[in-house]
């Protein structure tokens, strides 16, 4: 996912996409932790920021070796940065997705601070990129995996480096408000992403400088960003373009409301019925039933989420 709210870095910058794997697993673990924690843990708090010098840094591209393995890593980097160029509606390799790039969500080709990795790539193609999975044995998938593995240089297996992944925001004591989000979007987002969320295409018209946030060419309803909490965490620490954890421009409430507005707009619908065989493990902001509680789908989508969490703790 999303696959999305950022300006593409068209230079061949080396960011950290192994973190795609860590992001997907760690974010789910964090939400499950909150669901099972005692009630005192669900009170809104401001998480402490780790010192800047303790945050994970992607390896420098100069460290990519020469030879066939290094060439595969460089090709993988280019595929992550320019996925739409290769696989979009006018793709040079195949036409499998909506024209977005992996780095629309995984900023700077994944360096901004998986099931099998091939399956995770397939998931992104089918959900955030609203397309079809590439052949897992193809050179392109092998190149993306090689790049992700290179990005993990120096990271111990099973460890989540500080500064990686999507932030988990404290839940508000109210529902996220699409109308408030609409006002914020008009003043702070529309200049880049367009008044109708259509994004801005690159000069070659194959991909996007600023990705569409809704409509036919955006992420679909099965993408991680269709969950309001996930998108809000991304927005808070990365938007508007140029913001990061040191220079956040939006309040947490603004991020929640923007997320609610964006995810209330039309987009492709796609269903993966096997996603939650145990419905008790669904995140509280997963908007599609059946649920183990009596809260309606609208509350699961926009909140307030604290009562849902408390109900799950009593379950």
Protein backbone atom coordinates (compact mmCIF):
# COMPACT_ATOMS: atom_id res chain seq x y z
CA UNK A 1 0.00 0.00 0.00
CA UNK A 2 -0.61 2.16 -1.84
CA UNK A 3 0.35 2.65 -2.61
CA UNK A 4 0.41 6.82 -2.40
CA UNK A 5 0.37 10.19 -0.81
CA UNK A 6 3.86 11.24 -1.82
CA UNK A 7 5.85 12.77 -4.60
CA UNK A 8 7.81 10.16 -6.45
CA UNK A 9 11.53 10.31 -6.22
CA UNK A 10 12.49 9.83 -9.85
CA UNK A 11 16.18 9.69 -9.12
CA UNK A 12 17.65 6.30 -8.43
CA UNK A 13 17.73 6.76 -4.68
CA UNK A 14 18.24 3.66 -2.54
CA UNK A 15 15.53 3.34 0.11
CA UNK A 16 14.55 0.41 2.43
CA UNK A 17 11.96 -1.91 1.09
CA UNK A 18 12.87 -4.96 3.17
CA UNK A 19 10.90 -2.82 5.59
CA UNK A 20 7.85 -3.62 3.44
CA UNK A 21 8.05 -7.03 5.08
CA UNK A 22 8.63 -5.65 8.54
CA UNK A 23 5.93 -2.98 8.11
CA UNK A 24 3.26 -5.51 7.18
CA UNK A 25 4.04 -7.86 10.04
CA UNK A 26 4.85 -5.30 12.71
CA UNK A 27 1.79 -3.12 12.13
CA UNK A 28 -0.47 -6.13 12.49
CA UNK A 29 1.33 -7.25 15.63
CA UNK A 30 0.98 -3.80 17.17
CA UNK A 31 -2.76 -3.63 16.53
CA UNK A 32 -3.28 -7.12 17.95
CA UNK A 33 -1.24 -6.12 20.99
CA UNK A 34 -3.53 -3.18 21.63
CA UNK A 35 -6.62 -5.32 21.15
CA UNK A 36 -5.46 -7.73 23.85
CA UNK A 37 -3.97 -5.22 26.26
CA UNK A 38 -5.62 -4.06 29.53
CA UNK A 39 -7.90 -1.03 29.27
CA UNK A 40 -5.37 1.37 30.76
CA UNK A 41 -3.24 0.87 27.67
CA UNK A 42 -5.86 2.22 25.30
CA UNK A 43 -5.80 5.75 26.70
CA UNK A 44 -4.48 8.29 24.23
CA UNK A 45 -0.81 9.00 24.69
CA UNK A 46 1.91 10.67 22.69
CA UNK A 47 4.52 8.05 21.82
CA UNK A 48 8.09 9.00 22.61
CA UNK A 49 10.28 9.62 19.60
CA UNK A 50 13.54 7.71 19.45
CA UNK A 51 16.71 9.79 19.08
CA UNK A 52 17.38 10.59 15.44
CA UNK A 53 20.77 8.86 15.52
CA UNK A 54 19.12 5.60 16.66
CA UNK A 55 16.80 5.34 13.66
CA UNK A 56 17.38 2.80 10.93
CA UNK A 57 19.25 4.06 7.89
CA UNK A 58 19.21 2.34 4.52
CA UNK A 59 22.57 1.17 3.21
CA UNK A 60 24.26 3.46 0.73
CA UNK A 61 23.82 2.45 -2.91
CA UNK A 62 27.57 2.66 -3.34
CA UNK A 63 27.75 -0.59 -1.38
CA UNK A 64 25.89 -2.55 -4.07
CA UNK A 65 28.39 -4.97 -5.48
CA UNK A 66 29.32 -5.35 -9.13
CA UNK A 67 28.48 -8.47 -11.06
CA UNK A 68 25.21 -10.31 -11.68
CA UNK A 69 23.91 -10.05 -8.09
CA UNK A 70 24.54 -6.32 -7.93
CA UNK A 71 22.88 -5.84 -11.32
CA UNK A 72 19.81 -7.69 -10.04
CA UNK A 73 19.67 -5.45 -6.94
CA UNK A 74 19.88 -2.30 -9.07
CA UNK A 75 17.16 -3.59 -11.35
CA UNK A 76 15.01 -4.35 -8.32
CA UNK A 77 15.51 -0.81 -7.05
CA UNK A 78 14.36 0.58 -10.38
CA UNK A 79 11.31 -1.69 -10.38
CA UNK A 80 10.31 -0.48 -6.91
CA UNK A 81 10.83 3.16 -7.89
CA UNK A 82 9.17 2.93 -11.32
CA UNK A 83 6.71 0.06 -11.04
CA UNK A 84 4.08 1.84 -13.10
CA UNK A 85 6.54 2.43 -15.93
CA UNK A 86 7.18 -1.29 -16.20
CA UNK A 87 3.78 -2.77 -15.25
CA UNK A 88 1.19 0.04 -15.57
CA UNK A 89 -1.48 0.58 -18.26
CA UNK A 90 1.28 1.40 -20.76
CA UNK A 91 3.91 -0.80 -19.15
CA UNK A 92 7.07 -1.68 -21.01
CA UNK A 93 7.17 -5.25 -19.59
CA UNK A 94 3.51 -6.08 -18.98
CA UNK A 95 0.21 -4.35 -18.20
CA UNK A 96 -0.81 -5.63 -14.80
CA UNK A 97 -1.72 -2.66 -12.58
CA UNK A 98 -2.98 0.92 -12.25
CA UNK A 99 0.21 2.90 -12.94
CA UNK A 100 1.24 3.51 -9.32
CA UNK A 101 4.74 2.78 -8.11
CA UNK A 102 5.68 0.74 -5.04
CA UNK A 103 7.39 3.86 -3.68
CA UNK A 104 4.12 5.79 -3.72
CA UNK A 105 3.56 4.06 -0.37
CA UNK A 106 7.06 2.82 0.47
CA UNK A 107 8.70 6.23 0.19
CA UNK A 108 12.04 6.70 -1.55
CA UNK A 109 11.81 3.15 -2.90
CA UNK A 110 11.27 1.90 0.64
CA UNK A 111 14.12 3.65 2.46
CA UNK A 112 12.01 6.20 4.34
CA UNK A 113 12.42 5.59 7.64
CA UNK A 114 6.34 -10.94 4.50
CA UNK A 115 4.40 -14.16 4.05
CA UNK A 116 7.06 -15.16 1.57
CA UNK A 117 8.46 -11.98 0.05
CA UNK A 118 7.13 -13.06 -3.34
CA UNK A 119 3.64 -13.40 -1.87
CA UNK A 120 3.91 -9.97 -0.28
CA UNK A 121 4.83 -8.50 -3.67
CA UNK A 122 1.84 -10.31 -5.19
CA UNK A 123 -0.42 -8.82 -2.50
CA UNK A 124 0.78 -5.31 -3.30
CA UNK A 125 0.12 -5.79 -7.00
CA UNK A 126 -3.38 -7.13 -6.34
CA UNK A 127 -4.39 -4.60 -3.66
CA UNK A 128 -2.43 -1.35 -3.56
CA UNK A 129 -1.73 -1.42 -7.29
CA UNK A 130 -5.17 -2.91 -8.09
CA UNK A 131 -3.79 -5.32 -10.64
CA UNK A 132 -2.66 -8.90 -11.06
CA UNK A 133 0.28 -10.61 -9.43
CA UNK A 134 3.43 -10.97 -11.53
CA UNK A 135 5.00 -14.38 -12.10
CA UNK A 136 6.84 -15.18 -8.87
CA UNK A 137 9.63 -16.87 -10.85
CA UNK A 138 10.21 -13.91 -13.18
CA UNK A 139 13.43 -11.91 -13.23
CA UNK A 140 11.46 -8.87 -12.10
CA UNK A 141 10.20 -10.48 -8.90
CA UNK A 142 13.61 -12.00 -8.21
CA UNK A 143 15.14 -8.54 -8.69
CA UNK A 144 12.72 -6.90 -6.26
CA UNK A 145 13.43 -9.61 -3.68
CA UNK A 146 17.18 -9.15 -4.17
CA UNK A 147 16.80 -5.40 -3.64
CA UNK A 148 14.71 -5.88 -0.49
CA UNK A 149 17.27 -8.31 0.90
CA UNK A 150 20.05 -5.84 0.15
CA UNK A 151 18.12 -3.11 1.94
CA UNK A 152 18.08 -5.31 5.02
CA UNK A 153 21.87 -5.34 5.19
CA UNK A 154 22.88 -5.06 8.84
CA UNK A 155 19.37 -5.70 10.20
CA UNK A 156 19.09 -8.84 12.30
CA UNK A 157 16.43 -11.30 11.21
CA UNK A 158 13.17 -10.77 13.08
CA UNK A 159 14.14 -7.29 14.32
CA UNK A 160 12.14 -4.14 13.56
CA UNK A 161 14.54 -1.18 13.43
CA UNK A 162 13.46 2.04 15.12
CA UNK A 163 12.08 4.51 12.61
CA UNK A 164 10.81 1.91 10.16
CA UNK A 165 7.25 1.11 9.27
CA UNK A 166 4.00 3.02 9.61
CA UNK A 167 3.35 4.88 12.85
CA UNK A 168 0.53 3.60 15.06
CA UNK A 169 -1.44 6.65 16.21
CA UNK A 170 -3.33 6.77 19.48
CA UNK A 171 -7.05 6.41 18.91
CA UNK A 172 -9.19 9.50 19.34
CA UNK A 173 -12.16 9.61 21.70
CA UNK A 174 -14.40 10.41 18.74
CA UNK A 175 -14.96 9.07 15.27
CA UNK A 176 -12.76 10.27 12.42
CA UNK A 177 -14.73 12.92 10.53
CA UNK A 178 -14.75 12.88 6.70
CA UNK A 179 -16.20 16.41 6.54
CA UNK A 180 -13.36 17.85 8.60
CA UNK A 181 -10.97 15.82 6.48
CA UNK A 182 -12.45 17.28 3.31
CA UNK A 183 -11.65 20.79 4.50
CA UNK A 184 -8.08 19.80 5.34
CA UNK A 185 -7.72 18.06 1.97
CA UNK A 186 -8.80 21.16 0.08
CA UNK A 187 -6.26 23.38 1.84
CA UNK A 188 -3.32 21.01 2.29
CA UNK A 189 -3.52 18.15 -0.21
CA UNK A 190 -5.38 19.11 -3.38
CA UNK A 191 -2.53 21.14 -4.84
CA UNK A 192 -0.54 17.94 -5.39
CA UNK A 193 -3.16 15.20 -5.51
CA UNK A 194 -5.79 17.19 -7.41
CA UNK A 195 -9.21 18.57 -6.43
CA UNK A 196 -10.81 15.22 -7.24
CA UNK A 197 -8.04 13.01 -5.88
CA UNK A 198 -6.94 12.19 -9.42
CA UNK A 199 -3.22 12.70 -8.85
CA UNK A 200 -0.74 14.17 -11.32
CA UNK A 201 0.78 12.07 -14.08
CA UNK A 202 4.44 12.10 -14.94
CA UNK A 203 5.62 13.78 -18.14
CA UNK A 204 5.79 10.40 -19.86
CA UNK A 205 2.16 9.72 -18.78
CA UNK A 206 3.11 6.17 -17.76
CA UNK A 207 3.09 6.74 -14.00
CA UNK A 208 2.42 9.44 -11.40
CA UNK A 209 4.40 12.26 -9.88
CA UNK A 210 1.64 12.55 -7.27
CA UNK A 211 -0.49 9.39 -6.96
CA UNK A 212 -4.29 9.35 -7.17
CA UNK A 213 -5.93 8.94 -3.77
CA UNK A 214 -9.26 7.64 -5.04
CA UNK A 215 -10.90 6.68 -8.31
CA UNK A 216 -10.19 3.90 -10.77
CA UNK A 217 -6.41 4.24 -10.61
CA UNK A 218 -6.00 4.27 -6.83
CA UNK A 219 -5.66 1.46 -4.32
CA UNK A 220 -8.64 -0.84 -3.90
CA UNK A 221 -10.75 -1.74 -0.87
CA UNK A 222 -8.51 -4.71 0.01
CA UNK A 223 -5.38 -2.56 0.38
CA UNK A 224 -3.87 -1.85 3.78
CA UNK A 225 -4.41 1.88 3.31
CA UNK A 226 -8.16 1.36 3.11
CA UNK A 227 -7.97 0.91 6.86
CA UNK A 228 -8.32 4.39 8.35
CA UNK A 229 -5.76 3.78 11.12
CA UNK A 230 -3.05 2.65 8.70
CA UNK A 231 -3.55 5.58 6.37
CA UNK A 232 -3.72 8.07 9.24
CA UNK A 233 -0.35 6.90 10.57
CA UNK A 234 1.20 7.33 7.14
CA UNK A 235 -0.31 10.79 6.63
CA UNK A 236 0.71 12.08 10.06
CA UNK A 237 4.40 11.38 9.59
CA UNK A 238 4.84 11.90 5.85
CA UNK A 239 2.38 14.47 4.54
CA UNK A 240 2.29 17.06 3.07
CA UNK A 241 5.28 16.20 0.92
CA UNK A 242 8.49 17.03 2.76
CA UNK A 243 7.16 16.34 6.25
CA UNK A 244 8.65 13.65 8.47
CA UNK A 245 8.76 12.73 12.17
CA UNK A 246 10.96 15.78 12.87
CA UNK A 247 8.83 18.31 11.01
CA UNK A 248 5.23 17.13 11.17
CA UNK A 249 2.79 19.65 9.69
CA UNK A 250 -0.48 17.92 10.56
CA UNK A 251 -1.96 17.18 13.95
CA UNK A 252 -2.96 13.62 14.76
CA UNK A 253 -6.64 14.60 14.58
CA UNK A 254 -6.12 16.14 11.12
CA UNK A 255 -4.45 12.92 9.95
CA UNK A 256 -7.37 10.81 11.22
CA UNK A 257 -9.94 13.07 9.55
CA UNK A 258 -8.02 13.22 6.27
CA UNK A 259 -7.80 9.44 6.25
CA UNK A 260 -11.56 9.19 6.84
CA UNK A 261 -12.27 11.60 3.96
CA UNK A 262 -9.95 9.86 1.50
CA UNK A 263 -11.32 6.43 2.37
CA UNK A 264 -14.91 7.61 2.02
CA UNK A 265 -14.32 8.34 -1.68
CA UNK A 266 -15.04 5.87 -4.51
CA UNK A 267 -12.36 3.37 -5.47
CA UNK A 268 -12.07 -0.12 -6.96
CA UNK A 269 -13.72 -2.87 -4.92
CA UNK A 270 -11.92 -6.14 -4.40
CA UNK A 271 -12.56 -8.90 -1.91
CA UNK A 272 -10.24 -11.60 -0.58
CA UNK A 273 -12.54 -13.80 1.55
CA UNK A 274 -9.68 -15.87 2.95
CA UNK A 275 -7.96 -12.89 4.59
CA UNK A 276 -9.45 -13.44 8.06
CA UNK A 277 -10.31 -17.11 8.69
CA UNK A 278 -10.40 -16.22 12.41
CA UNK A 279 -12.57 -13.10 12.59
CA UNK A 280 -11.53 -12.47 16.19
CA UNK A 281 -8.15 -11.39 14.81
CA UNK A 282 -9.55 -8.66 12.56
CA UNK A 283 -8.13 -5.22 13.41
CA UNK A 284 -10.70 -2.92 15.01
CA UNK A 285 -10.57 -0.59 11.98
CA UNK A 286 -11.20 -3.38 9.46
CA UNK A 287 -14.48 -2.15 7.90
CA UNK A 288 -15.95 -5.39 6.55
CA UNK A 289 -17.92 -7.92 8.57
CA UNK A 290 -18.66 -10.33 9.99
CA UNK A 291 -17.44 -9.01 13.35
CA UNK A 292 -17.20 -10.62 16.77
CA UNK A 293 -18.86 -7.56 18.32
CA UNK A 294 -22.13 -5.69 17.83
CA UNK A 295 -20.65 -2.48 16.42
CA UNK A 296 -21.78 -1.53 12.90
CA UNK A 297 -19.45 -1.45 9.91
CA UNK A 298 -19.45 2.37 9.94
CA UNK A 299 -17.97 2.39 13.45
CA UNK A 300 -15.36 -0.16 12.42
CA UNK A 301 -14.43 2.11 9.53
CA UNK A 302 -14.37 5.54 11.20
CA UNK A 303 -14.48 4.84 14.95
CA UNK A 304 -14.54 5.68 17.73
CA UNK A 305 -12.30 2.66 18.14
CA UNK A 306 -11.69 2.63 21.90
CA UNK A 307 -15.14 1.16 22.71
CA UNK A 308 -14.52 -1.60 20.14
CA UNK A 309 -11.16 -2.42 21.70
CA UNK A 310 -12.67 -2.50 25.17
CA UNK A 311 -15.45 -4.81 23.95
CA UNK A 312 -12.82 -7.14 22.46
CA UNK A 313 -10.95 -7.22 25.76
CA UNK A 314 -14.12 -8.41 27.48
CA UNK A 315 -14.82 -11.00 24.79
